[in-house]
PDB file of N, CA and C in Angstrom:
ATOM      1  N   MET A   1      55.100  60.884  30.232  1.00  0.00           N
ATOM      2  CA  MET A   1      55.453  60.183  31.452  1.00  0.00           C
ATOM      3  C   MET A   1      56.636  59.255  31.182  1.00  0.00           C
ATOM      4  N   LYS A   2      57.580  59.290  32.071  1.00  0.00           N
ATOM      5  CA  LYS A   2      58.744  58.418  31.925  1.00  0.00           C
ATOM      6  C   LYS A   2      58.363  56.988  32.270  1.00  0.00           C
ATOM      7  N   TYR A   3      59.062  56.053  31.650  1.00  0.00           N
ATOM      8  CA  TYR A   3      58.794  54.636  31.882  1.00  0.00           C
ATOM      9  C   TYR A   3      58.923  54.275  33.359  1.00  0.00           C
ATOM     10  N   SER A   4      59.987  54.745  34.004  1.00  0.00           N
ATOM     11  CA  SER A   4      60.224  54.401  35.413  1.00  0.00           C
ATOM     12  C   SER A   4      59.101  54.919  36.310  1.00  0.00           C
ATOM     13  N   GLU A   5      58.542  56.074  35.946  1.00  0.00           N
ATOM     14  CA  GLU A   5      57.436  56.650  36.718  1.00  0.00           C
ATOM     15  C   GLU A   5      56.182  55.792  36.567  1.00  0.00           C
ATOM     16  N   LEU A   6      55.925  55.331  35.339  1.00  0.00           N
ATOM     17  CA  LEU A   6      54.778  54.463  35.078  1.00  0.00           C
ATOM     18  C   LEU A   6      54.908  53.162  35.865  1.00  0.00           C
ATOM     19  N   LEU A   7      56.103  52.576  35.841  1.00  0.00           N
ATOM     20  CA  LEU A   7      56.345  51.325  36.552  1.00  0.00           C
ATOM     21  C   LEU A   7      56.148  51.507  38.054  1.00  0.00           C
ATOM     22  N   ARG A   8      56.625  52.628  38.571  1.00  0.00           N
ATOM     23  CA  ARG A   8      56.487  52.917  40.005  1.00  0.00           C
ATOM     24  C   ARG A   8      55.014  53.044  40.395  1.00  0.00           C
ATOM     25  N   LEU A   9      54.232  53.738  39.564  1.00  0.00           N
ATOM     26  CA  LEU A   9      52.806  53.915  39.834  1.00  0.00           C
ATOM     27  C   LEU A   9      52.060  52.592  39.788  1.00  0.00           C
ATOM     28  N   LEU A  10      52.400  51.754  38.803  1.00  0.00           N
ATOM     29  CA  LEU A  10      51.756  50.442  38.693  1.00  0.00           C
ATOM     30  C   LEU A  10      52.073  49.585  39.919  1.00  0.00           C
ATOM     31  N   LYS A  11      53.338  49.600  40.355  1.00  0.00           N
ATOM     32  CA  LYS A  11      53.735  48.807  41.523  1.00  0.00           C
ATOM     33  C   LYS A  11      53.035  49.317  42.779  1.00  0.00           C
ATOM     34  N   GLN A  12      52.878  50.631  42.882  1.00  0.00           N
ATOM     35  CA  GLN A  12      52.191  51.241  44.013  1.00  0.00           C
ATOM     36  C   GLN A  12      50.746  50.759  44.076  1.00  0.00           C
ATOM     37  N   ASP A  13      50.172  50.518  42.912  1.00  0.00           N
ATOM     38  CA  ASP A  13      48.775  50.118  42.804  1.00  0.00           C
ATOM     39  C   ASP A  13      48.589  48.605  42.932  1.00  0.00           C
ATOM     40  N   GLY A  14      49.680  47.880  43.207  1.00  0.00           N
ATOM     41  CA  GLY A  14      49.576  46.444  43.443  1.00  0.00           C
ATOM     42  C   GLY A  14      49.966  45.569  42.264  1.00  0.00           C
ATOM     43  N   TRP A  15      50.429  46.201  41.180  1.00  0.00           N
ATOM     44  CA  TRP A  15      50.873  45.418  40.022  1.00  0.00           C
ATOM     45  C   TRP A  15      52.295  44.942  40.257  1.00  0.00           C
ATOM     46  N   PHE A  16      52.676  43.856  39.611  1.00  0.00           N
ATOM     47  CA  PHE A  16      54.058  43.383  39.697  1.00  0.00           C
ATOM     48  C   PHE A  16      54.470  42.784  38.359  1.00  0.00           C
ATOM     49  N   VAL A  17      55.771  42.703  38.150  1.00  0.00           N
ATOM     50  CA  VAL A  17      56.302  42.170  36.897  1.00  0.00           C
ATOM     51  C   VAL A  17      56.263  40.645  36.934  1.00  0.00           C
ATOM     52  N   VAL A  18      55.585  40.048  35.955  1.00  0.00           N
ATOM     53  CA  VAL A  18      55.490  38.597  35.873  1.00  0.00           C
ATOM     54  C   VAL A  18      56.697  38.048  35.131  1.00  0.00           C
ATOM     55  N   ARG A  19      56.954  38.613  33.960  1.00  0.00           N
ATOM     56  CA  ARG A  19      58.097  38.160  33.167  1.00  0.00           C
ATOM     57  C   ARG A  19      58.468  39.246  32.166  1.00  0.00           C
ATOM     58  N   GLN A  20      59.646  39.090  31.586  1.00  0.00           N
ATOM     59  CA  GLN A  20      60.122  40.033  30.582  1.00  0.00           C
ATOM     60  C   GLN A  20      60.282  39.264  29.280  1.00  0.00           C
ATOM     61  N   THR A  21      59.616  39.758  28.231  1.00  0.00           N
ATOM     62  CA  THR A  21      59.729  39.100  26.929  1.00  0.00           C
ATOM     63  C   THR A  21      60.208  40.112  25.908  1.00  0.00           C
ATOM     64  N   GLY A  22      61.383  39.883  25.381  1.00  0.00           N
ATOM     65  CA  GLY A  22      61.919  40.789  24.374  1.00  0.00           C
ATOM     66  C   GLY A  22      61.931  42.221  24.859  1.00  0.00           C
ATOM     67  N   GLY A  23      61.179  43.083  24.188  1.00  0.00           N
ATOM     68  CA  GLY A  23      61.145  44.495  24.549  1.00  0.00           C
ATOM     69  C   GLY A  23      59.960  44.872  25.405  1.00  0.00           C
ATOM     70  N   HIS A  24      59.314  43.887  26.033  1.00  0.00           N
ATOM     71  CA  HIS A  24      58.149  44.190  26.856  1.00  0.00           C
ATOM     72  C   HIS A  24      58.232  43.554  28.235  1.00  0.00           C
ATOM     73  N   LEU A  25      57.636  44.236  29.195  1.00  0.00           N
ATOM     74  CA  LEU A  25      57.474  43.671  30.531  1.00  0.00           C
ATOM     75  C   LEU A  25      56.017  43.258  30.654  1.00  0.00           C
ATOM     76  N   ILE A  26      55.774  42.061  31.162  1.00  0.00           N
ATOM     77  CA  ILE A  26      54.407  41.612  31.383  1.00  0.00           C
ATOM     78  C   ILE A  26      54.071  41.884  32.844  1.00  0.00           C
ATOM     79  N   MET A  27      53.093  42.758  33.068  1.00  0.00           N
ATOM     80  CA  MET A  27      52.666  43.120  34.415  1.00  0.00           C
ATOM     81  C   MET A  27      51.384  42.373  34.751  1.00  0.00           C
ATOM     82  N   SER A  28      51.179  42.090  36.025  1.00  0.00           N
ATOM     83  CA  SER A  28      49.965  41.404  36.463  1.00  0.00           C
ATOM     84  C   SER A  28      49.461  42.001  37.765  1.00  0.00           C
ATOM     85  N   THR A  29      48.138  41.903  37.985  1.00  0.00           N
ATOM     86  CA  THR A  29      47.543  42.380  39.229  1.00  0.00           C
ATOM     87  C   THR A  29      47.700  41.352  40.331  1.00  0.00           C
ATOM     88  N   GLY A  30      47.839  40.071  39.936  1.00  0.00           N
ATOM     89  CA  GLY A  30      47.955  39.013  40.924  1.00  0.00           C
ATOM     90  C   GLY A  30      46.631  38.690  41.585  1.00  0.00           C
ATOM     91  N   ASN A  31      45.566  39.315  41.106  1.00  0.00           N
ATOM     92  CA  ASN A  31      44.233  39.082  41.653  1.00  0.00           C
ATOM     93  C   ASN A  31      43.665  37.812  41.031  1.00  0.00           C
ATOM     94  N   GLN A  32      43.407  36.804  41.845  1.00  0.00           N
ATOM     95  CA  GLN A  32      42.951  35.507  41.331  1.00  0.00           C
ATOM     96  C   GLN A  32      41.606  35.594  40.621  1.00  0.00           C
ATOM     97  N   SER A  33      40.687  36.400  41.137  1.00  0.00           N
ATOM     98  CA  SER A  33      39.349  36.474  40.547  1.00  0.00           C
ATOM     99  C   SER A  33      39.354  37.136  39.175  1.00  0.00           C
ATOM    100  N   ARG A  34      40.223  38.102  38.997  1.00  0.00           N
ATOM    101  CA  ARG A  34      40.324  38.747  37.680  1.00  0.00           C
ATOM    102  C   ARG A  34      41.785  39.110  37.413  1.00  0.00           C
ATOM    103  N   ASN A  35      42.543  38.091  37.085  1.00  0.00           N
ATOM    104  CA  ASN A  35      43.967  38.275  36.841  1.00  0.00           C
ATOM    105  C   ASN A  35      44.185  38.960  35.496  1.00  0.00           C
ATOM    106  N   ILE A  36      44.642  40.193  35.535  1.00  0.00           N
ATOM    107  CA  ILE A  36      44.848  40.982  34.324  1.00  0.00           C
ATOM    108  C   ILE A  36      46.341  41.072  34.038  1.00  0.00           C
ATOM    109  N   GLU A  37      46.707  40.754  32.813  1.00  0.00           N
ATOM    110  CA  GLU A  37      48.102  40.934  32.409  1.00  0.00           C
ATOM    111  C   GLU A  37      48.175  42.089  31.427  1.00  0.00           C
ATOM    112  N   TYR A  38      49.209  42.880  31.549  1.00  0.00           N
ATOM    113  CA  TYR A  38      49.363  44.080  30.746  1.00  0.00           C
ATOM    114  C   TYR A  38      50.809  44.153  30.276  1.00  0.00           C
ATOM    115  N   SER A  39      50.988  44.351  28.994  1.00  0.00           N
ATOM    116  CA  SER A  39      52.326  44.400  28.425  1.00  0.00           C
ATOM    117  C   SER A  39      52.739  45.847  28.174  1.00  0.00           C
ATOM    118  N   ILE A  40      53.889  46.255  28.714  1.00  0.00           N
ATOM    119  CA  ILE A  40      54.380  47.610  28.475  1.00  0.00           C
ATOM    120  C   ILE A  40      55.768  47.560  27.846  1.00  0.00           C
ATOM    121  N   PRO A  41      56.053  48.513  26.957  1.00  0.00           N
ATOM    122  CA  PRO A  41      57.365  48.547  26.298  1.00  0.00           C
ATOM    123  C   PRO A  41      58.479  48.741  27.323  1.00  0.00           C
ATOM    124  N   TRP A  42      59.572  48.053  27.126  1.00  0.00           N
ATOM    125  CA  TRP A  42      60.721  48.142  28.017  1.00  0.00           C
ATOM    126  C   TRP A  42      61.917  48.632  27.227  1.00  0.00           C
ATOM    127  N   ARG A  43      62.563  49.663  27.756  1.00  0.00           N
ATOM    128  CA  ARG A  43      63.741  50.192  27.070  1.00  0.00           C
ATOM    129  C   ARG A  43      64.976  49.931  27.881  1.00  0.00           C
TER     130      ARG A  43
END
C-alpha cells in the first residue's frame, strides 16, 4: 500500500495529522474518550 493511500484511508476514517516529527507523522482520532495517537513513517 502506498503511503498516500494509507493517509487517505485514515483521514476518511476520521483520523487527522496532529504534528510532524522528523520522519514520522503523528495521527490522532480526536476522540476525547479514547484519544489514540499513531505514528506513521513519512517520506
